[in-house]
N, C-alpha and C. Protein backbone atom coordinates (compact mmCIF):
# COMPACT_ATOMS: atom_id res chain seq x y z
N HIS A 1 11.90 14.81 53.37
CA HIS A 1 10.59 15.45 53.48
C HIS A 1 10.74 16.76 54.23
N ASN A 2 10.33 17.88 53.65
CA ASN A 2 10.52 19.18 54.27
C ASN A 2 9.25 19.70 54.94
N GLY A 3 8.23 18.86 55.03
CA GLY A 3 7.02 19.25 55.71
C GLY A 3 6.04 20.04 54.86
N ARG A 4 6.44 20.40 53.64
CA ARG A 4 5.55 21.15 52.76
C ARG A 4 4.69 20.20 51.94
N MET A 5 3.44 20.55 51.76
CA MET A 5 2.53 19.71 50.99
C MET A 5 2.83 19.85 49.50
N LYS A 6 2.95 18.73 48.82
CA LYS A 6 3.22 18.76 47.39
C LYS A 6 1.96 19.16 46.63
N GLU A 7 2.14 19.97 45.61
CA GLU A 7 1.00 20.37 44.78
C GLU A 7 0.55 19.18 43.94
N PRO A 8 -0.76 18.98 43.81
CA PRO A 8 -1.25 17.84 43.01
C PRO A 8 -0.90 18.02 41.54
N HIS A 9 -0.59 16.91 40.90
CA HIS A 9 -0.24 16.92 39.48
C HIS A 9 -1.40 16.31 38.70
N VAL A 10 -1.95 17.06 37.77
CA VAL A 10 -3.12 16.61 37.01
C VAL A 10 -2.77 16.59 35.53
N GLU A 11 -3.14 15.52 34.85
CA GLU A 11 -2.94 15.40 33.41
C GLU A 11 -4.29 15.21 32.73
N PHE A 12 -4.46 15.87 31.59
CA PHE A 12 -5.69 15.75 30.81
C PHE A 12 -5.36 15.06 29.49
N TYR A 13 -6.23 14.16 29.06
CA TYR A 13 -6.03 13.44 27.81
C TYR A 13 -7.25 13.65 26.92
N MET A 14 -6.97 13.87 25.62
CA MET A 14 -8.05 14.02 24.65
C MET A 14 -8.39 12.64 24.08
N LYS A 15 -9.67 12.33 24.02
CA LYS A 15 -10.11 11.05 23.48
C LYS A 15 -11.14 11.28 22.38
N CYS A 16 -11.06 10.45 21.35
CA CYS A 16 -12.03 10.52 20.26
C CYS A 16 -13.25 9.70 20.65
N ALA A 17 -14.43 10.29 20.52
CA ALA A 17 -15.66 9.61 20.90
C ALA A 17 -16.25 8.79 19.76
N SER A 18 -15.66 8.87 18.56
CA SER A 18 -16.23 8.19 17.40
C SER A 18 -15.85 6.72 17.32
N HIS A 19 -14.79 6.32 18.00
CA HIS A 19 -14.39 4.92 17.96
C HIS A 19 -13.72 4.55 19.28
N PRO A 20 -13.78 3.28 19.67
CA PRO A 20 -13.19 2.87 20.95
C PRO A 20 -11.67 3.01 20.94
N THR A 21 -11.13 3.43 22.07
CA THR A 21 -9.68 3.60 22.21
C THR A 21 -9.22 2.94 23.50
N SER A 22 -7.94 2.60 23.54
CA SER A 22 -7.36 2.03 24.75
C SER A 22 -6.79 3.15 25.61
N ASP A 23 -6.35 2.80 26.80
CA ASP A 23 -5.79 3.80 27.71
C ASP A 23 -4.48 4.38 27.19
N ASP A 24 -3.81 3.65 26.29
CA ASP A 24 -2.53 4.12 25.76
C ASP A 24 -2.69 5.05 24.56
N ASP A 25 -3.89 5.11 23.98
CA ASP A 25 -4.10 5.96 22.81
C ASP A 25 -4.19 7.43 23.22
N VAL A 26 -3.58 8.28 22.43
CA VAL A 26 -3.64 9.72 22.67
C VAL A 26 -4.13 10.40 21.39
N SER A 27 -5.19 11.18 21.50
CA SER A 27 -5.73 11.90 20.35
C SER A 27 -5.07 13.28 20.26
N VAL A 28 -4.95 13.77 19.04
CA VAL A 28 -4.30 15.05 18.81
C VAL A 28 -5.29 16.19 19.01
N ALA A 29 -4.89 17.21 19.73
CA ALA A 29 -5.73 18.40 19.92
C ALA A 29 -5.54 19.35 18.74
N LEU A 30 -6.63 19.73 18.09
CA LEU A 30 -6.58 20.68 16.98
C LEU A 30 -6.69 22.09 17.55
N ASP A 31 -5.55 22.61 17.98
CA ASP A 31 -5.55 23.85 18.76
C ASP A 31 -5.86 25.10 17.95
N LEU A 32 -5.85 25.01 16.62
CA LEU A 32 -6.18 26.19 15.81
C LEU A 32 -7.68 26.35 15.60
N ILE A 33 -8.44 25.30 15.87
CA ILE A 33 -9.89 25.36 15.74
C ILE A 33 -10.48 25.70 17.10
N MET A 34 -11.23 26.78 17.16
CA MET A 34 -11.71 27.25 18.46
C MET A 34 -13.05 27.98 18.34
N ILE A 35 -13.66 28.20 19.49
CA ILE A 35 -14.92 28.95 19.55
C ILE A 35 -14.64 30.42 19.25
N ASN A 36 -15.47 31.01 18.43
CA ASN A 36 -15.29 32.41 18.03
C ASN A 36 -15.95 33.34 19.05
N ASN A 37 -15.38 33.42 20.24
CA ASN A 37 -15.97 34.22 21.32
C ASN A 37 -15.99 35.71 21.01
N LYS A 38 -15.04 36.17 20.21
CA LYS A 38 -14.94 37.61 19.92
C LYS A 38 -15.71 38.00 18.66
N ASN A 39 -16.42 37.04 18.07
CA ASN A 39 -17.24 37.32 16.87
C ASN A 39 -16.43 37.97 15.75
N VAL A 40 -15.27 37.39 15.47
CA VAL A 40 -14.42 37.90 14.39
C VAL A 40 -14.94 37.36 13.06
N PRO A 41 -15.12 38.21 12.05
CA PRO A 41 -15.63 37.72 10.76
C PRO A 41 -14.60 36.89 10.02
N CYS A 42 -15.08 35.94 9.24
CA CYS A 42 -14.21 35.11 8.40
C CYS A 42 -13.50 35.98 7.38
N ILE A 43 -12.22 35.74 7.18
CA ILE A 43 -11.43 36.54 6.26
C ILE A 43 -11.86 36.37 4.81
N ALA A 44 -12.56 35.27 4.50
CA ALA A 44 -12.98 35.00 3.12
C ALA A 44 -14.40 35.45 2.85
N CYS A 45 -15.36 34.94 3.63
CA CYS A 45 -16.77 35.24 3.35
C CYS A 45 -17.31 36.38 4.21
N THR A 46 -16.56 36.80 5.22
CA THR A 46 -16.90 37.88 6.17
C THR A 46 -18.07 37.54 7.09
N ASP A 47 -18.57 36.30 7.04
CA ASP A 47 -19.61 35.90 7.98
C ASP A 47 -18.99 35.65 9.36
N ILE A 48 -19.80 35.81 10.39
CA ILE A 48 -19.36 35.51 11.75
C ILE A 48 -19.89 34.14 12.13
N MET A 49 -18.99 33.19 12.28
CA MET A 49 -19.37 31.81 12.58
C MET A 49 -18.95 31.45 14.00
N GLY A 50 -19.65 30.46 14.57
CA GLY A 50 -19.39 30.08 15.95
C GLY A 50 -18.08 29.36 16.16
N VAL A 51 -17.67 28.54 15.18
CA VAL A 51 -16.41 27.79 15.27
C VAL A 51 -15.55 28.19 14.08
N VAL A 52 -14.30 28.53 14.35
CA VAL A 52 -13.40 29.01 13.30
C VAL A 52 -12.02 28.40 13.46
N LEU A 53 -11.19 28.61 12.44
CA LEU A 53 -9.77 28.26 12.53
C LEU A 53 -8.98 29.56 12.53
N VAL A 54 -8.04 29.66 13.47
CA VAL A 54 -7.20 30.86 13.60
C VAL A 54 -5.80 30.51 13.13
N PHE A 55 -5.35 31.16 12.08
CA PHE A 55 -4.02 30.88 11.53
C PHE A 55 -2.93 31.33 12.49
N GLN A 56 -1.74 30.74 12.31
CA GLN A 56 -0.62 31.02 13.20
C GLN A 56 0.24 32.19 12.72
N CYS A 57 -0.38 33.12 12.01
CA CYS A 57 0.35 34.30 11.54
C CYS A 57 0.32 35.38 12.63
N SER A 58 1.10 36.42 12.44
CA SER A 58 1.16 37.49 13.44
C SER A 58 -0.18 38.23 13.55
N GLU A 59 -0.95 38.26 12.45
CA GLU A 59 -2.25 38.94 12.46
C GLU A 59 -3.37 38.07 13.03
N ARG A 60 -3.08 36.78 13.20
CA ARG A 60 -4.08 35.83 13.73
C ARG A 60 -5.37 35.89 12.91
N HIS A 61 -5.24 35.77 11.59
CA HIS A 61 -6.40 35.81 10.72
C HIS A 61 -7.34 34.64 11.01
N VAL A 62 -8.62 34.91 10.88
CA VAL A 62 -9.67 33.94 11.21
C VAL A 62 -10.39 33.52 9.93
N ILE A 63 -10.65 32.22 9.81
CA ILE A 63 -11.39 31.71 8.66
C ILE A 63 -12.40 30.68 9.16
N CYS A 64 -13.61 30.72 8.63
CA CYS A 64 -14.62 29.73 9.04
C CYS A 64 -14.25 28.37 8.45
N LEU A 65 -14.79 27.31 9.01
CA LEU A 65 -14.39 25.97 8.59
C LEU A 65 -14.81 25.65 7.16
N ASP A 66 -15.96 26.17 6.72
CA ASP A 66 -16.39 25.93 5.34
C ASP A 66 -15.41 26.55 4.35
N CYS A 67 -14.99 27.78 4.62
CA CYS A 67 -14.03 28.45 3.74
C CYS A 67 -12.65 27.80 3.84
N PHE A 68 -12.32 27.30 5.02
CA PHE A 68 -11.03 26.61 5.18
C PHE A 68 -11.01 25.34 4.34
N ARG A 69 -12.11 24.59 4.34
CA ARG A 69 -12.18 23.38 3.51
C ARG A 69 -12.04 23.75 2.03
N LEU A 70 -12.73 24.81 1.62
CA LEU A 70 -12.67 25.24 0.23
C LEU A 70 -11.26 25.70 -0.14
N TYR A 71 -10.62 26.41 0.75
CA TYR A 71 -9.24 26.86 0.55
C TYR A 71 -8.31 25.66 0.39
N CYS A 72 -8.44 24.67 1.26
CA CYS A 72 -7.59 23.48 1.20
C CYS A 72 -7.84 22.68 -0.08
N GLN A 73 -9.11 22.48 -0.43
CA GLN A 73 -9.44 21.71 -1.63
C GLN A 73 -8.90 22.39 -2.88
N SER A 74 -9.01 23.71 -2.92
CA SER A 74 -8.51 24.46 -4.08
C SER A 74 -7.00 24.34 -4.21
N ARG A 75 -6.29 24.56 -3.11
CA ARG A 75 -4.83 24.46 -3.14
C ARG A 75 -4.37 23.02 -3.40
N LEU A 76 -5.15 22.05 -2.92
CA LEU A 76 -4.81 20.65 -3.16
C LEU A 76 -4.94 20.33 -4.64
N SER A 77 -6.01 20.80 -5.28
CA SER A 77 -6.21 20.55 -6.70
C SER A 77 -5.11 21.19 -7.54
N GLU A 78 -4.58 22.32 -7.07
CA GLU A 78 -3.53 23.02 -7.79
C GLU A 78 -2.13 22.54 -7.40
N ARG A 79 -2.06 21.59 -6.48
CA ARG A 79 -0.76 21.14 -5.95
C ARG A 79 0.02 22.31 -5.38
N GLN A 80 -0.68 23.18 -4.64
CA GLN A 80 -0.06 24.37 -4.09
C GLN A 80 0.24 24.25 -2.60
N PHE A 81 0.11 23.05 -2.04
CA PHE A 81 0.55 22.85 -0.67
C PHE A 81 2.08 23.01 -0.62
N VAL A 82 2.60 23.38 0.53
CA VAL A 82 4.03 23.62 0.70
C VAL A 82 4.66 22.43 1.43
N HIS A 83 5.73 21.89 0.84
CA HIS A 83 6.45 20.80 1.51
C HIS A 83 7.57 21.40 2.34
N HIS A 84 7.44 21.31 3.66
CA HIS A 84 8.44 21.84 4.58
C HIS A 84 9.18 20.66 5.22
N ALA A 85 10.50 20.76 5.28
CA ALA A 85 11.32 19.64 5.76
C ALA A 85 10.96 19.23 7.18
N ALA A 86 10.64 20.18 8.04
CA ALA A 86 10.35 19.86 9.44
C ALA A 86 8.86 19.66 9.71
N ILE A 87 8.01 20.41 9.01
CA ILE A 87 6.57 20.37 9.27
C ILE A 87 5.87 19.31 8.45
N GLY A 88 6.21 19.23 7.17
CA GLY A 88 5.54 18.31 6.27
C GLY A 88 4.79 19.06 5.18
N TYR A 89 3.69 18.49 4.73
CA TYR A 89 2.89 19.02 3.63
C TYR A 89 1.80 19.91 4.21
N SER A 90 1.94 21.22 4.08
CA SER A 90 1.06 22.12 4.80
C SER A 90 0.68 23.33 3.97
N LEU A 91 -0.12 24.20 4.58
CA LEU A 91 -0.56 25.45 3.95
C LEU A 91 -0.31 26.62 4.88
N PRO A 92 -0.02 27.79 4.31
CA PRO A 92 0.11 29.00 5.14
C PRO A 92 -1.26 29.65 5.32
N CYS A 93 -1.26 30.76 6.01
CA CYS A 93 -2.47 31.58 6.15
C CYS A 93 -3.03 31.88 4.77
N ALA A 94 -4.35 31.85 4.64
CA ALA A 94 -5.00 32.08 3.35
C ALA A 94 -4.76 33.49 2.82
N ALA A 95 -4.33 34.40 3.69
CA ALA A 95 -4.02 35.76 3.26
C ALA A 95 -2.59 35.90 2.76
N GLY A 96 -1.82 34.81 2.80
CA GLY A 96 -0.46 34.84 2.31
C GLY A 96 0.56 35.36 3.29
N CYS A 97 0.25 35.35 4.57
CA CYS A 97 1.18 35.86 5.58
C CYS A 97 2.43 34.98 5.66
N GLU A 98 3.56 35.61 5.97
CA GLU A 98 4.82 34.88 6.09
C GLU A 98 4.86 34.09 7.39
N ASP A 99 5.64 33.02 7.36
CA ASP A 99 5.88 32.20 8.55
C ASP A 99 4.56 31.80 9.23
N SER A 100 3.63 31.27 8.43
CA SER A 100 2.30 30.96 8.98
C SER A 100 1.85 29.54 8.63
N LEU A 101 2.78 28.65 8.29
CA LEU A 101 2.40 27.28 7.95
C LEU A 101 1.71 26.60 9.14
N ILE A 102 0.67 25.85 8.84
CA ILE A 102 -0.02 25.08 9.87
C ILE A 102 0.90 23.94 10.30
N LYS A 103 1.25 23.90 11.58
CA LYS A 103 2.24 22.93 12.06
C LYS A 103 1.62 21.59 12.43
N GLU A 104 0.40 21.58 12.92
CA GLU A 104 -0.28 20.33 13.27
C GLU A 104 -1.11 19.90 12.06
N LEU A 105 -0.59 18.90 11.32
CA LEU A 105 -1.19 18.53 10.04
C LEU A 105 -2.53 17.83 10.18
N HIS A 106 -2.88 17.39 11.37
CA HIS A 106 -4.19 16.75 11.55
C HIS A 106 -5.34 17.74 11.37
N HIS A 107 -5.04 19.04 11.31
CA HIS A 107 -6.10 20.00 11.02
C HIS A 107 -6.73 19.74 9.65
N PHE A 108 -5.96 19.13 8.76
CA PHE A 108 -6.49 18.86 7.41
C PHE A 108 -7.47 17.69 7.40
N ARG A 109 -7.69 17.07 8.54
CA ARG A 109 -8.72 16.04 8.64
C ARG A 109 -10.11 16.63 8.40
N VAL A 110 -10.25 17.94 8.57
CA VAL A 110 -11.56 18.56 8.34
C VAL A 110 -11.96 18.47 6.87
N LEU A 111 -11.04 18.07 6.00
CA LEU A 111 -11.36 17.89 4.58
C LEU A 111 -12.32 16.73 4.36
N GLY A 112 -12.41 15.81 5.30
CA GLY A 112 -13.20 14.60 5.10
C GLY A 112 -12.32 13.46 4.64
N ASP A 113 -12.83 12.25 4.71
CA ASP A 113 -12.01 11.06 4.45
C ASP A 113 -11.44 11.03 3.03
N ASP A 114 -12.27 11.30 2.03
CA ASP A 114 -11.81 11.21 0.64
C ASP A 114 -10.73 12.24 0.33
N GLN A 115 -10.99 13.49 0.68
CA GLN A 115 -10.03 14.54 0.39
C GLN A 115 -8.77 14.40 1.24
N TYR A 116 -8.92 13.90 2.46
CA TYR A 116 -7.74 13.71 3.31
C TYR A 116 -6.86 12.59 2.75
N ALA A 117 -7.48 11.55 2.22
CA ALA A 117 -6.71 10.48 1.58
C ALA A 117 -5.96 11.02 0.37
N ARG A 118 -6.61 11.92 -0.37
CA ARG A 118 -5.96 12.57 -1.50
C ARG A 118 -4.79 13.44 -1.03
N TYR A 119 -5.00 14.14 0.06
CA TYR A 119 -3.93 14.95 0.66
C TYR A 119 -2.73 14.08 1.05
N GLN A 120 -3.00 12.94 1.67
CA GLN A 120 -1.91 12.04 2.07
C GLN A 120 -1.16 11.50 0.86
N GLN A 121 -1.91 11.19 -0.20
CA GLN A 121 -1.28 10.69 -1.42
C GLN A 121 -0.35 11.74 -2.02
N TYR A 122 -0.84 12.97 -2.13
CA TYR A 122 -0.03 14.04 -2.70
C TYR A 122 1.19 14.34 -1.83
N ALA A 123 1.00 14.27 -0.51
CA ALA A 123 2.12 14.52 0.40
C ALA A 123 3.21 13.46 0.22
N THR A 124 2.78 12.21 0.06
CA THR A 124 3.74 11.12 -0.15
C THR A 124 4.48 11.31 -1.47
N GLU A 125 3.73 11.67 -2.51
CA GLU A 125 4.35 11.88 -3.82
C GLU A 125 5.35 13.03 -3.76
N GLU A 126 4.97 14.12 -3.09
CA GLU A 126 5.85 15.28 -3.00
C GLU A 126 7.14 14.93 -2.26
N CYS A 127 7.00 14.17 -1.18
CA CYS A 127 8.17 13.74 -0.42
C CYS A 127 9.08 12.87 -1.29
N LEU A 128 8.48 11.97 -2.05
CA LEU A 128 9.25 11.10 -2.93
C LEU A 128 10.02 11.90 -3.97
N LEU A 129 9.35 12.89 -4.57
CA LEU A 129 9.99 13.71 -5.59
C LEU A 129 11.14 14.53 -4.99
N LYS A 130 10.95 15.01 -3.76
CA LYS A 130 12.02 15.77 -3.10
C LYS A 130 13.24 14.89 -2.85
N MET A 131 13.01 13.60 -2.70
CA MET A 131 14.11 12.66 -2.46
C MET A 131 14.77 12.21 -3.76
N GLY A 132 14.28 12.73 -4.89
CA GLY A 132 14.85 12.34 -6.18
C GLY A 132 14.17 11.16 -6.81
N GLY A 133 13.02 10.74 -6.27
CA GLY A 133 12.29 9.62 -6.83
C GLY A 133 11.33 10.05 -7.92
N LEU A 134 10.53 9.13 -8.40
CA LEU A 134 9.54 9.42 -9.43
C LEU A 134 8.40 8.41 -9.33
N MET A 135 7.29 8.74 -9.98
CA MET A 135 6.11 7.88 -9.96
C MET A 135 6.01 7.12 -11.27
N CYS A 136 5.59 5.86 -11.18
CA CYS A 136 5.38 5.08 -12.39
C CYS A 136 4.25 5.72 -13.20
N PRO A 137 4.48 6.02 -14.49
CA PRO A 137 3.47 6.70 -15.30
C PRO A 137 2.42 5.77 -15.91
N ALA A 138 2.53 4.46 -15.68
CA ALA A 138 1.58 3.53 -16.29
C ALA A 138 0.18 3.77 -15.72
N PRO A 139 -0.86 3.76 -16.57
CA PRO A 139 -2.23 3.96 -16.10
C PRO A 139 -2.60 2.95 -15.02
N GLY A 140 -3.18 3.44 -13.93
CA GLY A 140 -3.61 2.58 -12.86
C GLY A 140 -2.52 2.12 -11.92
N CYS A 141 -1.29 2.60 -12.12
CA CYS A 141 -0.19 2.17 -11.25
C CYS A 141 0.21 3.31 -10.31
N GLY A 142 1.14 4.16 -10.74
CA GLY A 142 1.55 5.29 -9.90
C GLY A 142 2.42 4.91 -8.73
N ALA A 143 3.07 3.74 -8.79
CA ALA A 143 3.94 3.31 -7.69
C ALA A 143 5.11 4.27 -7.54
N GLY A 144 5.51 4.53 -6.29
CA GLY A 144 6.65 5.39 -6.03
C GLY A 144 7.95 4.63 -6.18
N LEU A 145 8.89 5.20 -6.92
CA LEU A 145 10.14 4.52 -7.22
C LEU A 145 11.33 5.40 -6.85
N LEU A 146 12.38 4.76 -6.34
CA LEU A 146 13.64 5.44 -6.04
C LEU A 146 14.77 4.69 -6.75
N PRO A 147 14.89 4.87 -8.07
CA PRO A 147 15.91 4.13 -8.82
C PRO A 147 17.32 4.53 -8.38
N SER A 148 18.16 3.54 -8.15
CA SER A 148 19.54 3.81 -7.77
C SER A 148 20.41 4.11 -8.98
N ASP A 149 19.97 3.64 -10.14
CA ASP A 149 20.71 3.84 -11.39
C ASP A 149 20.21 5.13 -12.06
N PRO A 150 21.10 6.08 -12.38
CA PRO A 150 20.66 7.34 -12.99
C PRO A 150 20.35 7.25 -14.49
N CYS A 151 20.40 6.08 -15.08
CA CYS A 151 20.17 5.97 -16.53
C CYS A 151 18.71 6.25 -16.88
N ARG A 152 18.45 6.46 -18.17
CA ARG A 152 17.11 6.83 -18.63
C ARG A 152 16.12 5.68 -18.50
N ARG A 153 16.58 4.46 -18.57
CA ARG A 153 15.68 3.31 -18.52
C ARG A 153 15.29 3.02 -17.06
N VAL A 154 13.99 3.09 -16.79
CA VAL A 154 13.48 2.83 -15.44
C VAL A 154 12.43 1.74 -15.52
N GLU A 155 12.54 0.77 -14.64
CA GLU A 155 11.55 -0.31 -14.59
C GLU A 155 10.79 -0.25 -13.27
N CYS A 156 9.48 -0.24 -13.36
CA CYS A 156 8.64 -0.24 -12.17
C CYS A 156 8.75 -1.60 -11.49
N GLU A 157 9.10 -1.60 -10.22
CA GLU A 157 9.30 -2.85 -9.50
C GLU A 157 7.98 -3.61 -9.37
N ARG A 158 8.01 -4.88 -9.71
CA ARG A 158 6.79 -5.68 -9.67
C ARG A 158 6.29 -5.90 -8.25
N GLN A 159 7.19 -5.85 -7.27
CA GLN A 159 6.74 -6.01 -5.88
C GLN A 159 5.86 -4.84 -5.44
N LEU A 160 6.10 -3.66 -6.06
CA LEU A 160 5.35 -2.47 -5.70
C LEU A 160 4.32 -2.09 -6.75
N GLY A 161 4.66 -2.34 -8.02
CA GLY A 161 3.81 -1.85 -9.10
C GLY A 161 3.57 -2.86 -10.19
N CYS A 162 3.81 -2.41 -11.45
CA CYS A 162 3.33 -3.18 -12.60
C CYS A 162 4.42 -3.73 -13.51
N GLY A 163 5.67 -3.35 -13.31
CA GLY A 163 6.74 -3.83 -14.17
C GLY A 163 6.93 -3.04 -15.45
N PHE A 164 6.20 -1.93 -15.59
CA PHE A 164 6.31 -1.11 -16.79
C PHE A 164 7.72 -0.53 -16.91
N VAL A 165 8.29 -0.59 -18.13
CA VAL A 165 9.62 -0.03 -18.39
C VAL A 165 9.44 1.27 -19.16
N PHE A 166 9.96 2.37 -18.62
CA PHE A 166 9.71 3.67 -19.23
C PHE A 166 10.96 4.54 -19.23
N CYS A 167 10.85 5.64 -19.97
CA CYS A 167 11.95 6.60 -20.09
C CYS A 167 11.86 7.61 -18.95
N ARG A 168 12.95 7.82 -18.26
CA ARG A 168 12.97 8.76 -17.14
C ARG A 168 12.67 10.19 -17.60
N GLU A 169 13.07 10.53 -18.83
CA GLU A 169 12.95 11.91 -19.30
C GLU A 169 11.52 12.28 -19.71
N CYS A 170 10.87 11.42 -20.50
CA CYS A 170 9.55 11.78 -21.04
C CYS A 170 8.41 10.97 -20.45
N ARG A 171 8.73 9.95 -19.63
CA ARG A 171 7.74 9.09 -18.96
C ARG A 171 6.93 8.23 -19.94
N GLU A 172 7.39 8.14 -21.18
CA GLU A 172 6.77 7.24 -22.15
C GLU A 172 7.45 5.87 -22.05
N ALA A 173 6.88 4.87 -22.76
CA ALA A 173 7.54 3.56 -22.81
C ALA A 173 8.98 3.74 -23.26
N PHE A 174 9.87 2.95 -22.68
CA PHE A 174 11.29 3.16 -22.95
C PHE A 174 11.58 3.05 -24.45
N HIS A 175 12.47 3.92 -24.92
CA HIS A 175 12.79 3.99 -26.34
C HIS A 175 14.26 4.38 -26.49
N GLN A 176 14.80 4.09 -27.64
CA GLN A 176 16.15 4.52 -27.98
C GLN A 176 16.06 5.88 -28.68
N GLY A 177 17.10 6.68 -28.55
CA GLY A 177 17.11 7.97 -29.22
C GLY A 177 16.44 9.05 -28.39
N GLU A 178 16.27 10.22 -29.01
CA GLU A 178 15.72 11.37 -28.31
C GLU A 178 14.22 11.22 -28.06
N CYS A 179 13.75 11.89 -27.01
CA CYS A 179 12.33 11.87 -26.68
C CYS A 179 11.56 12.79 -27.62
N ARG A 180 10.31 12.46 -27.83
CA ARG A 180 9.46 13.35 -28.60
C ARG A 180 9.19 14.61 -27.80
N ALA A 181 9.23 15.76 -28.47
CA ALA A 181 9.02 17.03 -27.77
C ALA A 181 7.59 17.11 -27.27
N CYS A 182 7.45 17.56 -26.02
CA CYS A 182 6.12 17.73 -25.43
C CYS A 182 5.76 19.21 -25.47
N GLN A 183 4.63 19.51 -26.05
CA GLN A 183 4.19 20.89 -26.17
C GLN A 183 3.53 21.34 -24.88
N ALA A 184 3.98 22.46 -24.35
CA ALA A 184 3.39 23.00 -23.12
C ALA A 184 2.02 23.59 -23.42
N PRO A 185 1.09 23.52 -22.48
CA PRO A 185 -0.24 24.11 -22.70
C PRO A 185 -0.15 25.61 -22.82
N PRO A 186 -0.98 26.23 -23.68
CA PRO A 186 -0.97 27.69 -23.81
C PRO A 186 -1.28 28.36 -22.48
N MET A 187 -0.67 29.52 -22.25
CA MET A 187 -0.87 30.23 -21.00
C MET A 187 -2.33 30.62 -20.81
N GLY A 188 -3.02 30.85 -21.92
CA GLY A 188 -4.43 31.20 -21.82
C GLY A 188 -5.24 30.11 -21.16
N ASP A 189 -4.90 28.84 -21.45
CA ASP A 189 -5.61 27.72 -20.84
C ASP A 189 -5.36 27.68 -19.34
N VAL A 190 -4.11 27.97 -18.95
CA VAL A 190 -3.77 27.97 -17.52
C VAL A 190 -4.55 29.04 -16.80
N GLU A 191 -4.64 30.24 -17.41
CA GLU A 191 -5.38 31.32 -16.78
C GLU A 191 -6.85 30.98 -16.67
N GLN A 192 -7.39 30.27 -17.68
CA GLN A 192 -8.80 29.90 -17.63
C GLN A 192 -9.06 28.94 -16.48
N VAL A 193 -8.14 27.99 -16.27
CA VAL A 193 -8.28 27.05 -15.16
C VAL A 193 -8.28 27.80 -13.83
N ARG A 194 -7.37 28.78 -13.70
CA ARG A 194 -7.30 29.54 -12.46
C ARG A 194 -8.60 30.30 -12.21
N LYS A 195 -9.19 30.83 -13.28
CA LYS A 195 -10.41 31.60 -13.11
C LYS A 195 -11.59 30.70 -12.77
N GLU A 196 -11.49 29.42 -13.14
CA GLU A 196 -12.56 28.48 -12.81
C GLU A 196 -12.38 27.88 -11.42
N ASP A 197 -11.28 28.23 -10.74
CA ASP A 197 -11.02 27.76 -9.39
C ASP A 197 -12.13 28.26 -8.47
N PRO A 198 -12.81 27.37 -7.74
CA PRO A 198 -13.92 27.80 -6.89
C PRO A 198 -13.50 28.75 -5.77
N PHE A 199 -12.21 28.82 -5.45
CA PHE A 199 -11.75 29.69 -4.38
C PHE A 199 -11.08 30.94 -4.93
N TYR A 200 -11.04 31.06 -6.26
CA TYR A 200 -10.29 32.15 -6.90
C TYR A 200 -10.82 33.52 -6.46
N ASP A 201 -12.15 33.70 -6.52
CA ASP A 201 -12.73 34.98 -6.15
C ASP A 201 -12.57 35.26 -4.67
N ASP A 202 -12.61 34.20 -3.85
CA ASP A 202 -12.50 34.39 -2.41
C ASP A 202 -11.12 34.89 -2.02
N ILE A 203 -10.09 34.47 -2.76
CA ILE A 203 -8.74 34.96 -2.48
C ILE A 203 -8.70 36.47 -2.71
N ALA A 204 -9.34 36.92 -3.80
CA ALA A 204 -9.39 38.35 -4.07
C ALA A 204 -10.13 39.08 -2.95
N VAL A 205 -11.21 38.47 -2.46
CA VAL A 205 -11.96 39.06 -1.36
C VAL A 205 -11.08 39.19 -0.13
N MET A 206 -10.27 38.14 0.14
CA MET A 206 -9.38 38.17 1.30
C MET A 206 -8.44 39.36 1.23
N LYS A 207 -7.79 39.54 0.07
CA LYS A 207 -6.80 40.60 -0.06
C LYS A 207 -7.46 41.96 0.09
N THR A 208 -8.67 42.11 -0.46
CA THR A 208 -9.39 43.37 -0.33
C THR A 208 -9.75 43.64 1.12
N PHE A 209 -10.20 42.59 1.81
CA PHE A 209 -10.63 42.73 3.20
C PHE A 209 -9.46 43.09 4.10
N ILE A 210 -8.29 42.49 3.82
CA ILE A 210 -7.12 42.76 4.65
C ILE A 210 -6.64 44.19 4.45
N CYS A 211 -6.62 44.64 3.19
CA CYS A 211 -6.14 45.99 2.91
C CYS A 211 -7.09 47.04 3.46
């Protein structure tokens, strides 16, 4: 003991008020969502909102929560989330800034229960595909499979799925011989889908606003 008074040590814990928790539970702080004290306009709609999300890019772009939900839903529908080995299934700044992936994935809880469940499903599927796996193509199944045998014949495990036997190449019921050729959709149809994207015009607004 050197006679000096020790400085008090204080710890703060975040708790969710929506459901009971024990003393051992720790809630995640969504540090990108904050009060808009500087009245910065949303990068998409240009409105000034009280609560916003600030991206982790060098420009610290600001987006209101309504536009952030719309941005996430749009990218989710397009399967445009980014699978990062260390971070997981995430999105960058809506303005396309480099090195701006959202690192705390619980921010996507703002999507709501249904869309967040969809996000989790897509994230799991993407991880499985990155590992060399595939999804059972049988209607109503979709079980994730990691076949150890590289042959074309794949059987959906009954413990996980439906037992459907299919071709690895074309995802149709297993067959002998070559697969039937699958015709790709015309590019015009793809462009039409993009134009019907509810966030499509807002992305253009973002780029105009930034420039």
